[in-house]
Structures are given as structure tokens and as C-alpha cells.
Amino acid sequence: MVDSNLSYPEIRAEARKAAAAVMDLYWTPGRFPVDPVQVSRAVGVEVYSAQLGNDTYGMLLSAKAGADMYLDVDQPPNRYRFSCAHELGHYVDRTSSLDAPLEAGFVEVDKRSDDGRGKPGEVYANEFAGSLLMPEDELKSQLDAGTSGVALARYFGVSLSALQYRRQVLGI
């Protein structure tokens, strides 16, 4: 679990490193857009679509065989992908290694509201998701090649606002 004494830049650096490790182990280099459902299942997290209500994007629950992830079916496809990558970030943050189970009784629910915004675990999960879906090196490479914002969002399979926020966080 992310150390709450770390600064936001340190939390983000840890999340980027973890996302890169997951990509190295579970995704084909240079293949975009990344499929976070496929990656989550490769890690050992079961992924389900469900009606989660008006204020829930996704949730992660401990299970005997690892973890179960539930994603709200009413999200646009790009938001669904981000929610999946975000929940995977919570999983990676909460396990000591990728083959370790979540602690019994663990439940993480991510709301559409700003509830929990700015908490270390949420910063970590958001940065993990951004790094998984839009790795910094690939983003810079595409920008250097002159790829437009709309084309970049399509290339990475994310919303334009997610791409713009990622660029803001990275300062590029």
C-alpha cells in the first residue's frame, strides 16, 4: 500500500514504475491501445461488467482466487477502459507482489463524485492507469512525430480530457 507520507511526485513515480513492470510482464511492447481488461485477467484479477448505480465507476473486491473487479456498464468505452486500469492500479498498490492475494475482506469502491479525490491511494491508481494506457515514452514519441491530440486519444483509446490531463501531469 502506498505510503501516505510520500509526496505526490513520489507516489506518481512509484505508480509509473509499477505500471511499467506490469506492461513488461503482461503486454506486447509497442501494441496500442493497451487492453486493461486483458492485462487485469493476465495478472489474475477477474473482470466483470455490472450495473453499479449512478455514482460508481468500479470496485475491487478480495476473492479466494485473487480479486474480482466490477466495472459499471453505463460508462463510455474509453472511461470503462480507464476505470479498469484504475482498479488494476488499486490491486497492484494493495498487493506485495503480483502473485500475492489481496487481504481478506478488501473492498475498494470508486465513485463518480470527487469522494476520495487527492488521497494517496487514488493518486496512485490514477497515475497507474494513465501510465498503463498512455506510457510516457510512447506519448512523447507520438508527440515528437507530430500526432495531433485527437489522433493521440484514439491511438491510446482514451478520452481527449484524459490525454490532456496526462500531458499536464507529465509537463509535456
Foldseek 3Di string as FASTA:
>chain_A
DDDQPDDLVVLLVVLLVLLVVLCVVQHDPPDPQDQLQSSCVVLPEAEEEDAPDDWFQKKWAFDPRAIYIYGYPPDPQQSNRLSSQLNVQLSCVQAPDSNGHHPHGDMDTHTNDCVPPPGSSNSSSNSNSCCNLPPPVVVVVCVVVVPDLVRVCVRSSHDSVSVVVSCVVVVD
